[in-house]
Amino acid sequence: MEMLFVVLMFLLSISLILLVMFQPRQQQSLSTDATSNLGKPNYWLARRGMKLATLIVSVLFFLVLLIYLLLARA
């Protein structure tokens, strides 16, 4: 059972690293305020599938890690 969690966490962590690496980056000039684009919907318009996949994989990784910690404690 423990080996299953280790393999699952390894696969999720590698996929999360790859998804974050391939996220689109936004150029920011020093003259504009860093908070000027927060809350704007155009963030989700570019490569929406990759961003949703990153969100799903990160939530899965958190849940698997939480379940593993709870079972290891019992």
Protein backbone atom coordinates (compact mmCIF):
# COMPACT_ATOMS: atom_id res chain seq x y z
CA MET A 1 0.00 0.00 0.00
CA GLU A 2 2.83 2.36 0.86
CA MET A 3 4.57 1.61 -2.43
CA LEU A 4 1.38 2.57 -4.29
CA PHE A 5 1.34 5.97 -2.60
CA VAL A 6 5.02 6.53 -3.33
CA VAL A 7 4.62 5.73 -7.02
CA LEU A 8 1.45 7.82 -7.27
CA MET A 9 3.08 10.82 -5.58
CA PHE A 10 6.13 10.47 -7.81
CA LEU A 11 4.03 10.45 -10.99
CA LEU A 12 1.89 13.35 -9.84
CA SER A 13 4.91 15.41 -8.83
CA ILE A 14 6.68 14.85 -12.16
CA SER A 15 3.53 15.73 -14.11
CA LEU A 16 2.99 18.83 -11.96
CA ILE A 17 6.57 19.98 -12.56
CA LEU A 18 6.15 19.53 -16.32
CA LEU A 19 2.79 21.31 -16.40
CA VAL A 20 4.14 24.28 -14.46
CA MET A 21 7.20 24.47 -16.71
CA PHE A 22 5.04 24.74 -19.82
CA GLN A 23 2.67 27.38 -18.44
CA PRO A 24 2.54 30.55 -20.53
CA ARG A 25 4.46 33.42 -19.00
CA GLN A 26 3.41 37.03 -19.06
CA GLN A 27 5.90 39.79 -19.69
CA GLN A 28 5.73 42.59 -17.19
CA SER A 29 7.41 45.94 -17.56
CA LEU A 30 8.74 47.66 -14.50
CA SER A 31 6.69 50.78 -15.17
CA THR A 32 3.30 49.09 -14.75
CA ASP A 33 1.78 48.08 -11.48
CA ALA A 34 2.09 44.38 -10.68
CA THR A 35 -1.52 44.20 -9.55
CA SER A 36 -3.03 45.83 -12.63
CA ASN A 37 -3.86 42.49 -14.31
CA LEU A 38 -5.10 40.62 -11.23
CA GLY A 39 -8.67 39.41 -11.50
CA LYS A 40 -8.87 39.98 -15.25
CA PRO A 41 -10.42 37.11 -17.25
CA ASN A 42 -7.76 37.18 -19.98
CA TYR A 43 -5.46 35.03 -17.81
CA TRP A 44 -7.71 31.99 -18.36
CA LEU A 45 -8.20 32.63 -22.08
CA ALA A 46 -4.67 31.54 -23.05
CA ARG A 47 -4.14 27.76 -22.86
CA ARG A 48 -7.11 27.11 -20.62
CA GLY A 49 -6.73 23.31 -20.78
CA MET A 50 -3.18 23.36 -19.50
CA LYS A 51 -4.10 25.65 -16.64
CA LEU A 52 -7.05 23.48 -15.65
CA ALA A 53 -4.88 20.36 -15.88
CA THR A 54 -2.32 22.00 -13.60
CA LEU A 55 -5.03 22.87 -11.12
CA ILE A 56 -6.47 19.34 -11.16
CA VAL A 57 -3.06 17.65 -10.81
CA SER A 58 -2.09 19.93 -7.94
CA VAL A 59 -5.34 19.20 -6.08
CA LEU A 60 -4.87 15.45 -6.68
CA PHE A 61 -1.29 15.65 -5.42
CA PHE A 62 -2.46 17.45 -2.27
CA LEU A 63 -5.23 14.91 -1.63
CA VAL A 64 -2.95 11.90 -2.16
CA LEU A 65 -0.35 13.40 0.16
CA LEU A 66 -3.01 14.18 2.78
CA ILE A 67 -4.47 10.66 2.62
CA TYR A 68 -0.99 9.15 2.86
CA LEU A 69 -0.16 11.23 5.92
CA LEU A 70 -3.44 10.34 7.60
CA LEU A 71 -3.01 6.62 6.92
CA ALA A 72 0.63 6.61 8.01
CA ARG A 73 -0.34 8.22 11.30
CA ALA A 74 -2.98 5.58 12.09
